[in-house]
Every structure is written in C-alpha cells, then in structure tokens.
PDB file of N, CA and C in Angstrom:
ATOM      1  N   MET A   1      11.648 -17.505 -22.997  1.00  0.00           N
ATOM      2  CA  MET A   1      12.919 -17.373 -22.046  1.00  0.00           C
ATOM      3  C   MET A   1      14.431 -17.068 -23.364  1.00  0.00           C
ATOM      4  N   ARG A   2      14.160 -17.461 -23.754  1.00  0.00           N
ATOM      5  CA  ARG A   2      14.892 -17.267 -25.203  1.00  0.00           C
ATOM      6  C   ARG A   2      14.568 -15.498 -25.301  1.00  0.00           C
ATOM      7  N   GLN A   3      13.187 -15.352 -25.220  1.00  0.00           N
ATOM      8  CA  GLN A   3      13.562 -13.881 -25.984  1.00  0.00           C
ATOM      9  C   GLN A   3      13.907 -12.872 -24.735  1.00  0.00           C
ATOM     10  N   LEU A   4      13.365 -13.069 -23.871  1.00  0.00           N
ATOM     11  CA  LEU A   4      13.768 -12.283 -22.234  1.00  0.00           C
ATOM     12  C   LEU A   4      15.367 -12.307 -22.528  1.00  0.00           C
ATOM     13  N   ARG A   5      16.038 -13.415 -22.741  1.00  0.00           N
ATOM     14  CA  ARG A   5      17.260 -13.472 -22.438  1.00  0.00           C
ATOM     15  C   ARG A   5      18.236 -12.042 -24.108  1.00  0.00           C
ATOM     16  N   GLU A   6      17.668 -12.376 -25.023  1.00  0.00           N
ATOM     17  CA  GLU A   6      18.243 -11.411 -25.786  1.00  0.00           C
ATOM     18  C   GLU A   6      17.847 -10.710 -25.858  1.00  0.00           C
ATOM     19  N   LEU A   7      16.831  -9.458 -25.406  1.00  0.00           N
ATOM     20  CA  LEU A   7      16.451  -8.409 -25.226  1.00  0.00           C
ATOM     21  C   LEU A   7      17.715  -8.052 -23.828  1.00  0.00           C
ATOM     22  N   GLN A   8      17.589  -8.959 -22.710  1.00  0.00           N
ATOM     23  CA  GLN A   8      18.500  -8.177 -21.648  1.00  0.00           C
ATOM     24  C   GLN A   8      20.154  -8.162 -22.537  1.00  0.00           C
ATOM     25  N   SER A   9      20.400  -9.088 -22.814  1.00  0.00           N
ATOM     26  CA  SER A   9      21.712  -8.830 -23.638  1.00  0.00           C
ATOM     27  C   SER A   9      21.913  -7.941 -24.779  1.00  0.00           C
ATOM     28  N   ARG A  10      20.638  -7.380 -24.795  1.00  0.00           N
ATOM     29  CA  ARG A  10      21.141  -5.990 -25.597  1.00  0.00           C
ATOM     30  C   ARG A  10      20.577  -4.933 -24.394  1.00  0.00           C
ATOM     31  N   ASN A  11      20.562  -5.318 -23.283  1.00  0.00           N
ATOM     32  CA  ASN A  11      20.027  -3.943 -22.565  1.00  0.00           C
ATOM     33  C   ASN A  11      19.228  -3.511 -22.542  1.00  0.00           C
ATOM     34  N   ILE A  12      18.354  -4.129 -23.025  1.00  0.00           N
ATOM     35  CA  ILE A  12      16.890  -3.861 -22.750  1.00  0.00           C
ATOM     36  C   ILE A  12      16.334  -4.545 -21.503  1.00  0.00           C
ATOM     37  N   ASP A  13      15.742  -3.275 -20.503  1.00  0.00           N
ATOM     38  CA  ASP A  13      14.980  -3.874 -19.660  1.00  0.00           C
ATOM     39  C   ASP A  13      13.790  -4.379 -19.572  1.00  0.00           C
ATOM     40  N   SER A  14      13.660  -5.373 -19.047  1.00  0.00           N
ATOM     41  CA  SER A  14      12.683  -6.691 -19.758  1.00  0.00           C
ATOM     42  C   SER A  14      12.733  -7.310 -18.550  1.00  0.00           C
ATOM     43  N   TYR A  15      11.487  -7.958 -17.882  1.00  0.00           N
ATOM     44  CA  TYR A  15      11.042  -8.752 -16.862  1.00  0.00           C
ATOM     45  C   TYR A  15      10.211  -9.712 -17.864  1.00  0.00           C
ATOM     46  N   ILE A  16       9.680 -11.046 -16.601  1.00  0.00           N
ATOM     47  CA  ILE A  16       9.091 -11.946 -16.779  1.00  0.00           C
ATOM     48  C   ILE A  16       7.534 -11.623 -16.118  1.00  0.00           C
ATOM     49  N   ILE A  17       6.745 -11.330 -16.669  1.00  0.00           N
ATOM     50  CA  ILE A  17       5.351 -11.714 -16.258  1.00  0.00           C
ATOM     51  C   ILE A  17       4.857 -12.721 -14.882  1.00  0.00           C
ATOM     52  N   THR A  18       4.309 -13.365 -14.283  1.00  0.00           N
ATOM     53  CA  THR A  18       4.470 -13.910 -13.380  1.00  0.00           C
ATOM     54  C   THR A  18       3.443 -14.627 -13.030  1.00  0.00           C
ATOM     55  N   VAL A  19       2.157 -13.265 -13.214  1.00  0.00           N
ATOM     56  CA  VAL A  19       0.773 -13.434 -12.847  1.00  0.00           C
ATOM     57  C   VAL A  19      -0.193 -12.491 -13.082  1.00  0.00           C
ATOM     58  N   GLY A  20      -1.790 -13.427 -13.085  1.00  0.00           N
ATOM     59  CA  GLY A  20      -2.599 -12.410 -14.211  1.00  0.00           C
ATOM     60  C   GLY A  20      -2.326 -12.975 -15.995  1.00  0.00           C
ATOM     61  N   ASP A  21      -3.808 -12.455 -16.598  1.00  0.00           N
ATOM     62  CA  ASP A  21      -3.901 -12.667 -17.801  1.00  0.00           C
ATOM     63  C   ASP A  21      -2.375 -12.692 -18.551  1.00  0.00           C
ATOM     64  N   LEU A  22      -1.421 -11.860 -18.337  1.00  0.00           N
ATOM     65  CA  LEU A  22      -0.198 -11.693 -18.863  1.00  0.00           C
ATOM     66  C   LEU A  22       0.371 -12.235 -18.406  1.00  0.00           C
ATOM     67  N   ALA A  23       0.256 -13.876 -17.926  1.00  0.00           N
ATOM     68  CA  ALA A  23       1.354 -14.498 -17.009  1.00  0.00           C
ATOM     69  C   ALA A  23       2.665 -15.232 -18.254  1.00  0.00           C
ATOM     70  N   ASN A  24       3.659 -14.853 -18.148  1.00  0.00           N
ATOM     71  CA  ASN A  24       4.763 -15.680 -19.198  1.00  0.00           C
ATOM     72  C   ASN A  24       5.086 -14.619 -20.014  1.00  0.00           C
ATOM     73  N   GLY A  25       4.560 -13.315 -20.110  1.00  0.00           N
ATOM     74  CA  GLY A  25       4.659 -12.230 -21.241  1.00  0.00           C
ATOM     75  C   GLY A  25       5.490 -11.837 -20.672  1.00  0.00           C
ATOM     76  N   ILE A  26       6.258 -10.678 -21.288  1.00  0.00           N
ATOM     77  CA  ILE A  26       7.617  -9.769 -21.330  1.00  0.00           C
ATOM     78  C   ILE A  26       6.911  -8.475 -20.949  1.00  0.00           C
ATOM     79  N   SER A  27       7.418  -7.915 -20.070  1.00  0.00           N
ATOM     80  CA  SER A  27       7.193  -6.879 -19.626  1.00  0.00           C
ATOM     81  C   SER A  27       8.649  -5.485 -19.486  1.00  0.00           C
ATOM     82  N   LEU A  28       8.267  -4.437 -20.481  1.00  0.00           N
ATOM     83  CA  LEU A  28       9.117  -3.589 -20.438  1.00  0.00           C
ATOM     84  C   LEU A  28       9.273  -2.638 -19.610  1.00  0.00           C
ATOM     85  N   GLY A  29       8.387  -2.546 -18.763  1.00  0.00           N
ATOM     86  CA  GLY A  29       8.733  -1.665 -17.220  1.00  0.00           C
ATOM     87  C   GLY A  29       7.051  -0.853 -17.121  1.00  0.00           C
ATOM     88  N   ILE A  30       7.210  -0.370 -16.334  1.00  0.00           N
ATOM     89  CA  ILE A  30       5.952   0.334 -16.095  1.00  0.00           C
ATOM     90  C   ILE A  30       5.632   2.447 -16.299  1.00  0.00           C
ATOM     91  N   PHE A  31       5.055   2.323 -16.813  1.00  0.00           N
ATOM     92  CA  PHE A  31       4.899   4.002 -17.383  1.00  0.00           C
ATOM     93  C   PHE A  31       4.234   4.459 -16.848  1.00  0.00           C
ATOM     94  N   SER A  32       4.208   6.116 -16.292  1.00  0.00           N
ATOM     95  CA  SER A  32       3.330   7.358 -15.232  1.00  0.00           C
ATOM     96  C   SER A  32       2.588   7.527 -16.314  1.00  0.00           C
ATOM     97  N   ARG A  33       3.638   7.789 -17.622  1.00  0.00           N
ATOM     98  CA  ARG A  33       2.633   8.185 -19.337  1.00  0.00           C
ATOM     99  C   ARG A  33       2.945   7.318 -20.383  1.00  0.00           C
ATOM    100  N   LYS A  34       1.523   7.401 -20.904  1.00  0.00           N
ATOM    101  CA  LYS A  34       1.827   6.485 -22.261  1.00  0.00           C
ATOM    102  C   LYS A  34       2.699   7.114 -23.352  1.00  0.00           C
ATOM    103  N   ASP A  35       3.210   8.359 -23.832  1.00  0.00           N
ATOM    104  CA  ASP A  35       3.820   8.465 -24.360  1.00  0.00           C
ATOM    105  C   ASP A  35       5.562   8.279 -24.420  1.00  0.00           C
ATOM    106  N   SER A  36       5.425   7.510 -22.757  1.00  0.00           N
ATOM    107  CA  SER A  36       6.937   7.551 -22.613  1.00  0.00           C
ATOM    108  C   SER A  36       7.090   5.952 -22.454  1.00  0.00           C
ATOM    109  N   ALA A  37       5.735   5.333 -22.671  1.00  0.00           N
ATOM    110  CA  ALA A  37       5.327   3.946 -23.486  1.00  0.00           C
ATOM    111  C   ALA A  37       5.313   3.291 -24.802  1.00  0.00           C
ATOM    112  N   GLU A  38       4.775   4.769 -25.536  1.00  0.00           N
ATOM    113  CA  GLU A  38       4.910   4.500 -26.625  1.00  0.00           C
ATOM    114  C   GLU A  38       6.184   4.971 -27.538  1.00  0.00           C
ATOM    115  N   GLY A  39       7.268   5.793 -26.510  1.00  0.00           N
ATOM    116  CA  GLY A  39       8.852   6.130 -26.708  1.00  0.00           C
ATOM    117  C   GLY A  39       9.528   4.431 -26.867  1.00  0.00           C
ATOM    118  N   VAL A  40       9.220   3.777 -25.420  1.00  0.00           N
ATOM    119  CA  VAL A  40      10.065   2.599 -25.732  1.00  0.00           C
ATOM    120  C   VAL A  40       9.760   1.537 -27.062  1.00  0.00           C
ATOM    121  N   VAL A  41       8.198   1.902 -27.578  1.00  0.00           N
ATOM    122  CA  VAL A  41       7.510   0.533 -28.305  1.00  0.00           C
ATOM    123  C   VAL A  41       8.165   1.198 -29.901  1.00  0.00           C
ATOM    124  N   ALA A  42       8.706   2.747 -29.455  1.00  0.00           N
ATOM    125  CA  ALA A  42       8.923   3.214 -31.059  1.00  0.00           C
ATOM    126  C   ALA A  42      10.301   2.766 -31.364  1.00  0.00           C
ATOM    127  N   ARG A  43      11.397   2.513 -29.893  1.00  0.00           N
ATOM    128  CA  ARG A  43      12.496   2.138 -30.190  1.00  0.00           C
ATOM    129  C   ARG A  43      12.957   0.809 -30.467  1.00  0.00           C
ATOM    130  N   LEU A  44      12.289  -0.032 -29.998  1.00  0.00           N
ATOM    131  CA  LEU A  44      11.966  -1.539 -29.932  1.00  0.00           C
ATOM    132  C   LEU A  44      11.855  -1.534 -31.717  1.00  0.00           C
ATOM    133  N   ARG A  45      10.794  -0.907 -31.966  1.00  0.00           N
ATOM    134  CA  ARG A  45      10.264  -1.227 -33.212  1.00  0.00           C
ATOM    135  C   ARG A  45      11.957  -1.063 -34.518  1.00  0.00           C
ATOM    136  N   GLU A  46      12.689   0.019 -33.985  1.00  0.00           N
ATOM    137  CA  GLU A  46      13.845   0.207 -34.924  1.00  0.00           C
ATOM    138  C   GLU A  46      14.492  -0.815 -35.333  1.00  0.00           C
ATOM    139  N   VAL A  47      14.334  -1.671 -33.944  1.00  0.00           N
ATOM    140  CA  VAL A  47      15.531  -2.914 -33.642  1.00  0.00           C
ATOM    141  C   VAL A  47      15.130  -4.178 -34.264  1.00  0.00           C
ATOM    142  N   ASP A  48      13.573  -4.058 -34.836  1.00  0.00           N
ATOM    143  CA  ASP A  48      12.805  -5.118 -35.016  1.00  0.00           C
ATOM    144  C   ASP A  48      12.290  -5.965 -33.649  1.00  0.00           C
ATOM    145  N   TYR A  49      11.306  -5.632 -33.502  1.00  0.00           N
ATOM    146  CA  TYR A  49      10.825  -5.687 -31.993  1.00  0.00           C
ATOM    147  C   TYR A  49       9.254  -4.972 -31.925  1.00  0.00           C
ATOM    148  N   ALA A  50       8.377  -6.036 -32.502  1.00  0.00           N
ATOM    149  CA  ALA A  50       7.148  -5.559 -31.806  1.00  0.00           C
ATOM    150  C   ALA A  50       6.723  -5.714 -30.530  1.00  0.00           C
ATOM    151  N   ALA A  51       6.013  -4.495 -29.807  1.00  0.00           N
ATOM    152  CA  ALA A  51       5.693  -4.819 -28.371  1.00  0.00           C
ATOM    153  C   ALA A  51       4.358  -3.867 -28.520  1.00  0.00           C
ATOM    154  N   LEU A  52       3.510  -4.067 -27.779  1.00  0.00           N
ATOM    155  CA  LEU A  52       2.205  -3.296 -28.008  1.00  0.00           C
ATOM    156  C   LEU A  52       2.202  -2.921 -25.792  1.00  0.00           C
ATOM    157  N   VAL A  53       1.878  -1.353 -26.125  1.00  0.00           N
ATOM    158  CA  VAL A  53       1.633  -1.067 -24.976  1.00  0.00           C
ATOM    159  C   VAL A  53       0.104  -1.640 -24.526  1.00  0.00           C
ATOM    160  N   ARG A  54      -0.215  -1.871 -23.425  1.00  0.00           N
ATOM    161  CA  ARG A  54      -1.144  -2.285 -22.537  1.00  0.00           C
ATOM    162  C   ARG A  54      -1.681  -1.116 -21.041  1.00  0.00           C
ATOM    163  N   GLU A  55      -2.821  -0.772 -20.748  1.00  0.00           N
ATOM    164  CA  GLU A  55      -2.986  -0.046 -19.921  1.00  0.00           C
ATOM    165  C   GLU A  55      -3.548  -0.787 -18.431  1.00  0.00           C
ATOM    166  N   LEU A  56      -3.424  -0.686 -17.859  1.00  0.00           N
ATOM    167  CA  LEU A  56      -3.348  -1.348 -16.929  1.00  0.00           C
ATOM    168  C   LEU A  56      -3.927  -0.514 -15.412  1.00  0.00           C
ATOM    169  N   PRO A  57      -5.027  -0.654 -14.940  1.00  0.00           N
ATOM    170  CA  PRO A  57      -5.652   0.272 -13.663  1.00  0.00           C
ATOM    171  C   PRO A  57      -4.155   0.371 -12.728  1.00  0.00           C
ATOM    172  N   ARG A  58      -4.754   1.489 -12.313  1.00  0.00           N
ATOM    173  CA  ARG A  58      -3.823   1.627 -11.397  1.00  0.00           C
ATOM    174  C   ARG A  58      -4.525   1.204  -9.738  1.00  0.00           C
ATOM    175  N   MET A  59      -3.766   0.855  -8.952  1.00  0.00           N
ATOM    176  CA  MET A  59      -4.428  -0.393  -7.792  1.00  0.00           C
ATOM    177  C   MET A  59      -4.219   0.667  -6.902  1.00  0.00           C
ATOM    178  N   HIS A  60      -4.679   1.099  -6.169  1.00  0.00           N
ATOM    179  CA  HIS A  60      -4.833   2.222  -4.551  1.00  0.00           C
ATOM    180  C   HIS A  60      -4.921   1.502  -3.797  1.00  0.00           C
ATOM    181  N   ARG A  61      -3.872   1.370  -2.507  1.00  0.00           N
ATOM    182  CA  ARG A  61      -3.957   0.289  -1.405  1.00  0.00           C
ATOM    183  C   ARG A  61      -3.818   1.516  -0.011  1.00  0.00           C
ATOM    184  N   LYS A  62      -4.791   1.046   0.657  1.00  0.00           N
ATOM    185  CA  LYS A  62      -5.055   1.810   2.324  1.00  0.00           C
ATOM    186  C   LYS A  62      -3.709   0.701   2.834  1.00  0.00           C
ATOM    187  N   TYR A  63      -3.829   1.131   4.356  1.00  0.00           N
ATOM    188  CA  TYR A  63      -2.861   0.698   4.836  1.00  0.00           C
ATOM    189  C   TYR A  63      -3.556   1.119   6.614  1.00  0.00           C
ATOM    190  N   TRP A  64      -4.032   0.374   7.270  1.00  0.00           N
ATOM    191  CA  TRP A  64      -4.361   0.726   8.758  1.00  0.00           C
ATOM    192  C   TRP A  64      -3.646   0.099   9.749  1.00  0.00           C
ATOM    193  N   VAL A  65      -2.691   1.097  10.287  1.00  0.00           N
ATOM    194  CA  VAL A  65      -1.972   0.556  11.688  1.00  0.00           C
ATOM    195  C   VAL A  65      -2.751   0.649  13.023  1.00  0.00           C
ATOM    196  N   ARG A  66      -2.989  -0.815  13.549  1.00  0.00           N
ATOM    197  CA  ARG A  66      -3.705  -0.438  14.983  1.00  0.00           C
ATOM    198  C   ARG A  66      -2.634  -0.397  15.574  1.00  0.00           C
ATOM    199  N   VAL A  67      -3.075   0.285  17.294  1.00  0.00           N
ATOM    200  CA  VAL A  67      -1.672   0.379  18.326  1.00  0.00           C
ATOM    201  C   VAL A  67      -2.718   0.159  19.421  1.00  0.00           C
ATOM    202  N   GLY A  68      -2.182  -0.590  19.892  1.00  0.00           N
ATOM    203  CA  GLY A  68      -3.046  -1.695  21.157  1.00  0.00           C
ATOM    204  C   GLY A  68      -3.086  -0.348  22.670  1.00  0.00           C
ATOM    205  N   ALA A  69      -3.881  -0.466  23.389  1.00  0.00           N
ATOM    206  CA  ALA A  69      -3.863   0.060  24.258  1.00  0.00           C
ATOM    207  C   ALA A  69      -2.726   0.706  25.098  1.00  0.00           C
ATOM    208  N   ALA A  70      -2.742  -0.508  25.252  1.00  0.00           N
ATOM    209  CA  ALA A  70      -0.599  -0.611  26.167  1.00  0.00           C
ATOM    210  C   ALA A  70       0.387   0.381  25.610  1.00  0.00           C
ATOM    211  N   SER A  71       0.296   0.256  24.212  1.00  0.00           N
ATOM    212  CA  SER A  71       1.139   1.078  23.626  1.00  0.00           C
ATOM    213  C   SER A  71       1.142   2.810  23.024  1.00  0.00           C
ATOM    214  N   ARG A  72      -0.302   2.951  23.617  1.00  0.00           N
ATOM    215  CA  ARG A  72      -0.629   4.119  22.404  1.00  0.00           C
ATOM    216  C   ARG A  72       0.245   5.463  23.182  1.00  0.00           C
ATOM    217  N   GLY A  73       0.886   5.572  24.787  1.00  0.00           N
ATOM    218  CA  GLY A  73       1.453   6.147  25.007  1.00  0.00           C
ATOM    219  C   GLY A  73       2.555   6.365  24.452  1.00  0.00           C
ATOM    220  N   GLN A  74       3.119   5.501  23.564  1.00  0.00           N
ATOM    221  CA  GLN A  74       4.472   5.934  22.662  1.00  0.00           C
ATOM    222  C   GLN A  74       3.889   6.304  21.670  1.00  0.00           C
ATOM    223  N   LEU A  75       3.316   6.630  20.882  1.00  0.00           N
ATOM    224  CA  LEU A  75       2.840   7.085  19.964  1.00  0.00           C
ATOM    225  C   LEU A  75       1.869   8.540  20.211  1.00  0.00           C
ATOM    226  N   ASP A  76       3.022   9.910  20.659  1.00  0.00           N
ATOM    227  CA  ASP A  76       2.864  10.881  20.720  1.00  0.00           C
ATOM    228  C   ASP A  76       2.387  12.072  19.545  1.00  0.00           C
ATOM    229  N   ASP A  77       2.496  12.946  19.710  1.00  0.00           N
ATOM    230  CA  ASP A  77       2.321  14.091  18.961  1.00  0.00           C
ATOM    231  C   ASP A  77       3.779  14.277  18.249  1.00  0.00           C
ATOM    232  N   ALA A  78       4.701  14.151  19.135  1.00  0.00           N
ATOM    233  CA  ALA A  78       5.832  14.807  18.187  1.00  0.00           C
ATOM    234  C   ALA A  78       6.228  13.261  17.135  1.00  0.00           C
ATOM    235  N   MET A  79       5.911  11.528  17.464  1.00  0.00           N
ATOM    236  CA  MET A  79       6.117  11.076  16.531  1.00  0.00           C
ATOM    237  C   MET A  79       5.275  11.059  15.635  1.00  0.00           C
ATOM    238  N   LEU A  80       3.688  11.376  15.524  1.00  0.00           N
ATOM    239  CA  LEU A  80       3.099  11.166  14.856  1.00  0.00           C
ATOM    240  C   LEU A  80       3.264  12.639  13.509  1.00  0.00           C
ATOM    241  N   GLN A  81       3.741  13.616  14.110  1.00  0.00           N
ATOM    242  CA  GLN A  81       4.418  14.959  13.286  1.00  0.00           C
ATOM    243  C   GLN A  81       5.310  14.678  13.032  1.00  0.00           C
ATOM    244  N   GLY A  82       6.262  13.653  12.903  1.00  0.00           N
ATOM    245  CA  GLY A  82       7.823  13.060  12.570  1.00  0.00           C
ATOM    246  C   GLY A  82       7.499  12.080  11.119  1.00  0.00           C
ATOM    247  N   LEU A  83       5.727  10.861  11.549  1.00  0.00           N
ATOM    248  CA  LEU A  83       5.767  10.256  10.423  1.00  0.00           C
ATOM    249  C   LEU A  83       5.052  11.175   9.392  1.00  0.00           C
ATOM    250  N   LYS A  84       4.161  12.209   9.432  1.00  0.00           N
ATOM    251  CA  LYS A  84       3.976  13.155   8.849  1.00  0.00           C
ATOM    252  C   LYS A  84       4.819  13.566   7.833  1.00  0.00           C
ATOM    253  N   ASN A  85       5.482  14.183   8.395  1.00  0.00           N
ATOM    254  CA  ASN A  85       6.627  14.946   7.595  1.00  0.00           C
ATOM    255  C   ASN A  85       7.621  13.752   6.746  1.00  0.00           C
ATOM    256  N   ASP A  86       7.385  12.651   6.908  1.00  0.00           N
ATOM    257  CA  ASP A  86       8.089  11.564   6.334  1.00  0.00           C
ATOM    258  C   ASP A  86       6.970  10.614   4.915  1.00  0.00           C
ATOM    259  N   MET A  87       5.439  10.370   5.429  1.00  0.00           N
ATOM    260  CA  MET A  87       5.161  10.525   4.455  1.00  0.00           C
ATOM    261  C   MET A  87       3.529  11.480   4.674  1.00  0.00           C
ATOM    262  N   PRO A  88       4.061  12.235   3.877  1.00  0.00           N
ATOM    263  CA  PRO A  88       2.782  13.182   3.781  1.00  0.00           C
ATOM    264  C   PRO A  88       1.186  13.100   3.564  1.00  0.00           C
ATOM    265  N   GLU A  89       1.168  11.970   3.047  1.00  0.00           N
ATOM    266  CA  GLU A  89      -0.205  11.765   2.797  1.00  0.00           C
ATOM    267  C   GLU A  89      -0.733  11.317   3.940  1.00  0.00           C
ATOM    268  N   LEU A  90       0.064  10.280   5.013  1.00  0.00           N
ATOM    269  CA  LEU A  90      -0.257   9.612   5.936  1.00  0.00           C
ATOM    270  C   LEU A  90      -1.568  10.704   6.903  1.00  0.00           C
ATOM    271  N   GLN A  91      -2.402  10.151   7.136  1.00  0.00           N
ATOM    272  CA  GLN A  91      -3.734  10.498   8.085  1.00  0.00           C
ATOM    273  C   GLN A  91      -3.689  10.003   9.017  1.00  0.00           C
ATOM    274  N   HIS A  92      -4.118  10.667  10.255  1.00  0.00           N
ATOM    275  CA  HIS A  92      -4.512   9.755  11.424  1.00  0.00           C
ATOM    276  C   HIS A  92      -5.699   9.725  12.121  1.00  0.00           C
ATOM    277  N   ARG A  93      -6.227   9.202  12.326  1.00  0.00           N
ATOM    278  CA  ARG A  93      -7.834   8.855  12.685  1.00  0.00           C
ATOM    279  C   ARG A  93      -7.868   8.178  14.188  1.00  0.00           C
ATOM    280  N   GLN A  94      -8.947   8.248  15.224  1.00  0.00           N
ATOM    281  CA  GLN A  94      -8.830   7.391  16.551  1.00  0.00           C
ATOM    282  C   GLN A  94      -9.917   6.964  15.814  1.00  0.00           C
ATOM    283  N   MET A  95      -9.613   5.183  15.942  1.00  0.00           N
ATOM    284  CA  MET A  95     -11.240   5.237  15.479  1.00  0.00           C
ATOM    285  C   MET A  95     -11.577   3.822  16.652  1.00  0.00           C
ATOM    286  N   PRO A  96     -12.814   3.450  16.351  1.00  0.00           N
ATOM    287  CA  PRO A  96     -12.801   1.762  16.978  1.00  0.00           C
ATOM    288  C   PRO A  96     -12.271   1.189  15.997  1.00  0.00           C
ATOM    289  N   CYS A  97     -11.725  -0.246  16.004  1.00  0.00           N
ATOM    290  CA  CYS A  97     -11.466  -0.667  15.579  1.00  0.00           C
ATOM    291  C   CYS A  97     -11.978  -2.042  14.649  1.00  0.00           C
ATOM    292  N   ALA A  98     -12.920  -1.973  15.580  1.00  0.00           N
ATOM    293  CA  ALA A  98     -14.397  -3.487  15.481  1.00  0.00           C
ATOM    294  C   ALA A  98     -14.440  -3.790  14.219  1.00  0.00           C
ATOM    295  N   GLY A  99     -14.995  -2.252  13.432  1.00  0.00           N
ATOM    296  CA  GLY A  99     -15.578  -2.248  12.192  1.00  0.00           C
ATOM    297  C   GLY A  99     -14.303  -2.229  10.953  1.00  0.00           C
ATOM    298  N   VAL A 100     -12.879  -2.220  11.379  1.00  0.00           N
ATOM    299  CA  VAL A 100     -11.696  -1.849  10.816  1.00  0.00           C
ATOM    300  C   VAL A 100     -10.923  -3.161  10.081  1.00  0.00           C
ATOM    301  N   ALA A 101     -10.730  -3.493  11.689  1.00  0.00           N
ATOM    302  CA  ALA A 101      -9.831  -5.131  11.914  1.00  0.00           C
ATOM    303  C   ALA A 101     -10.135  -6.053  12.582  1.00  0.00           C
ATOM    304  N   THR A 102      -9.779  -6.845  12.174  1.00  0.00           N
ATOM    305  CA  THR A 102     -10.139  -8.191  13.752  1.00  0.00           C
ATOM    306  C   THR A 102      -8.680  -8.427  14.397  1.00  0.00           C
ATOM    307  N   SER A 103      -9.427  -8.915  16.027  1.00  0.00           N
ATOM    308  CA  SER A 103      -7.616  -9.066  16.583  1.00  0.00           C
ATOM    309  C   SER A 103      -6.746 -10.170  16.084  1.00  0.00           C
ATOM    310  N   GLU A 104      -7.070 -11.234  15.007  1.00  0.00           N
ATOM    311  CA  GLU A 104      -7.247 -12.131  14.835  1.00  0.00           C
ATOM    312  C   GLU A 104      -5.550 -12.240  13.721  1.00  0.00           C
TER     313      GLU A 104
END
C-alpha cells in the first residue's frame, strides 16, 4: 500500500490487483500494444522503479438476450437496426433458447 500511495502521489496511474495470481500486486494499466507497456516500464525505470510487463490472454465474452414471447412484438426491425447501429458487432438470431439458457 505504501508503494501504491507513493506512485499515485507522483501522478502515476496505478491500482491494486484484487484477484488472480497477481492479487495484491500493483497494475500500471492495461495496454493493447506491447510497445506502449514497455514505454511505461522505461519511464518508471528512469525514476528508479522496477516494473515488469505481463501479457494476459484477452477474454472474449458473449452475451445472449432472451426476448419472451409476450415481448417479441416490441423488438421490431427498426429497433434491431438501431441496436446494430449502436453496436456494430451485434448479431441477431432467432433460435430455441433451451440449448442456450434456462428459465431460472
């Protein structure tokens, strides 16, 4: 905690990791490019901090929305098109839910 407060007092973005094998470690950010992460490590090295880059696999999640029979009339083509405009990767499929989700 002392190290975290010290980093934050120097305006270095830093956060405590609360879960996983790095729990209680300090995260200096999540980077989509390795060279960006290595740049942060180099800048920290200049002010006498040791930091390591650790690559974590990206998790992809899928979310399913089940529309009940009584509400299907509200989900018309215009609403679907609006949702697709807001979320270009949205996919629409009509399928039986028994194999995807339960009613619980």
